[in-house]
Amino acid sequence: MKTMRYKGYTAEIHYSDEDGFFVGDVVGIDDIICFHGNTDEELRAAFEGVVDLYIEALAEPETPPQKHFAGRLLSRLRQALHL
């Protein structure tokens, strides 16, 4: 599986035998954002276009666009617990 990154968003790319082209899904957010293309150039343009559209559409202060999850949990420990 191939991945692409743009403006902090990550997409996973796979080939769809049923549709006959490559399909991408933006991962790590609750919203569903998909795109497709036949070549790397088409995929890149479609991915950047949907991310830009997503950011623009949700730019309202009440509904800011989500950023992908980093998958990290940060915690502070007392100094006595440091090694």
Protein backbone atom coordinates (compact mmCIF):
# COMPACT_ATOMS: atom_id res chain seq x y z
CA MET A 1 0.00 0.00 0.00
CA LYS A 2 1.30 3.41 -0.95
CA THR A 3 0.88 6.55 1.13
CA MET A 4 0.93 10.26 0.31
CA ARG A 5 1.28 13.27 2.62
CA TYR A 6 0.10 16.84 2.15
CA LYS A 7 -0.40 19.68 4.67
CA GLY A 8 -0.23 17.26 7.60
CA TYR A 9 -2.76 14.81 6.13
CA THR A 10 -1.94 11.25 5.07
CA ALA A 11 -3.70 9.18 2.43
CA GLU A 12 -3.48 5.45 1.80
CA ILE A 13 -3.62 4.40 -1.86
CA HIS A 14 -4.78 1.04 -3.22
CA TYR A 15 -5.81 -0.30 -6.61
CA SER A 16 -9.48 -1.11 -7.12
CA ASP A 17 -9.97 -4.03 -9.52
CA GLU A 18 -13.69 -3.34 -9.49
CA ASP A 19 -13.32 0.30 -10.58
CA GLY A 20 -10.14 -0.06 -12.65
CA PHE A 21 -8.18 2.80 -11.07
CA PHE A 22 -6.29 3.77 -7.93
CA VAL A 23 -8.33 4.94 -4.95
CA GLY A 24 -7.06 7.01 -2.03
CA ASP A 25 -8.52 7.54 1.43
CA VAL A 26 -7.39 10.23 3.87
CA VAL A 27 -6.70 8.46 7.16
CA GLY A 28 -6.50 9.54 10.79
CA ILE A 29 -9.58 11.79 10.81
CA ASP A 30 -13.25 11.08 11.52
CA ASP A 31 -14.47 12.50 8.19
CA ILE A 32 -14.47 10.41 5.01
CA ILE A 33 -12.32 11.90 2.24
CA CYS A 34 -11.67 9.82 -0.88
CA PHE A 35 -10.18 10.47 -4.31
CA HIS A 36 -9.05 8.49 -7.35
CA GLY A 37 -6.81 8.58 -10.41
CA ASN A 38 -5.02 6.48 -13.00
CA THR A 39 -1.49 7.89 -12.63
CA ASP A 40 0.69 9.23 -9.82
CA GLU A 41 0.19 12.75 -11.17
CA GLU A 42 -3.61 12.38 -11.18
CA LEU A 43 -3.56 10.93 -7.67
CA ARG A 44 -1.34 13.73 -6.35
CA ALA A 45 -3.52 16.43 -7.92
CA ALA A 46 -6.72 14.81 -6.66
CA PHE A 47 -5.32 14.34 -3.13
CA GLU A 48 -4.09 17.92 -2.85
CA GLY A 49 -7.39 19.17 -4.29
CA VAL A 50 -9.60 17.32 -1.80
CA VAL A 51 -7.41 18.34 1.15
CA ASP A 52 -7.49 21.99 0.08
CA LEU A 53 -11.27 21.78 -0.42
CA TYR A 54 -11.70 20.10 2.98
CA ILE A 55 -9.69 22.80 4.73
CA GLU A 56 -11.56 25.55 2.88
CA ALA A 57 -15.00 24.04 3.52
CA LEU A 58 -14.40 23.63 7.24
CA ALA A 59 -12.54 26.88 7.84
CA GLU A 60 -15.46 28.25 9.85
CA PRO A 61 -14.50 28.85 13.50
CA GLU A 62 -17.32 26.57 14.72
CA THR A 63 -16.08 23.58 12.71
CA PRO A 64 -12.29 23.65 12.23
CA PRO A 65 -10.82 20.91 10.03
CA GLN A 66 -9.41 17.94 11.88
CA LYS A 67 -5.75 17.17 11.87
CA HIS A 68 -4.57 13.60 11.68
CA PHE A 69 -3.91 11.78 14.92
CA ALA A 70 -0.25 11.57 15.80
CA GLY A 71 -0.65 8.28 17.63
CA ARG A 72 1.34 9.57 20.59
CA LEU A 73 0.38 9.99 24.22
CA LEU A 74 2.38 12.60 26.10
CA SER A 75 2.64 12.46 29.86
CA ARG A 76 4.67 14.26 32.51
CA LEU A 77 6.44 12.21 35.14
CA ARG A 78 7.75 13.33 38.46
CA GLN A 79 11.50 13.91 38.41
CA ALA A 80 12.03 10.99 40.81
CA LEU A 81 10.71 8.62 38.12
CA HIS A 82 13.18 9.77 35.45
CA LEU A 83 15.96 7.29 34.71
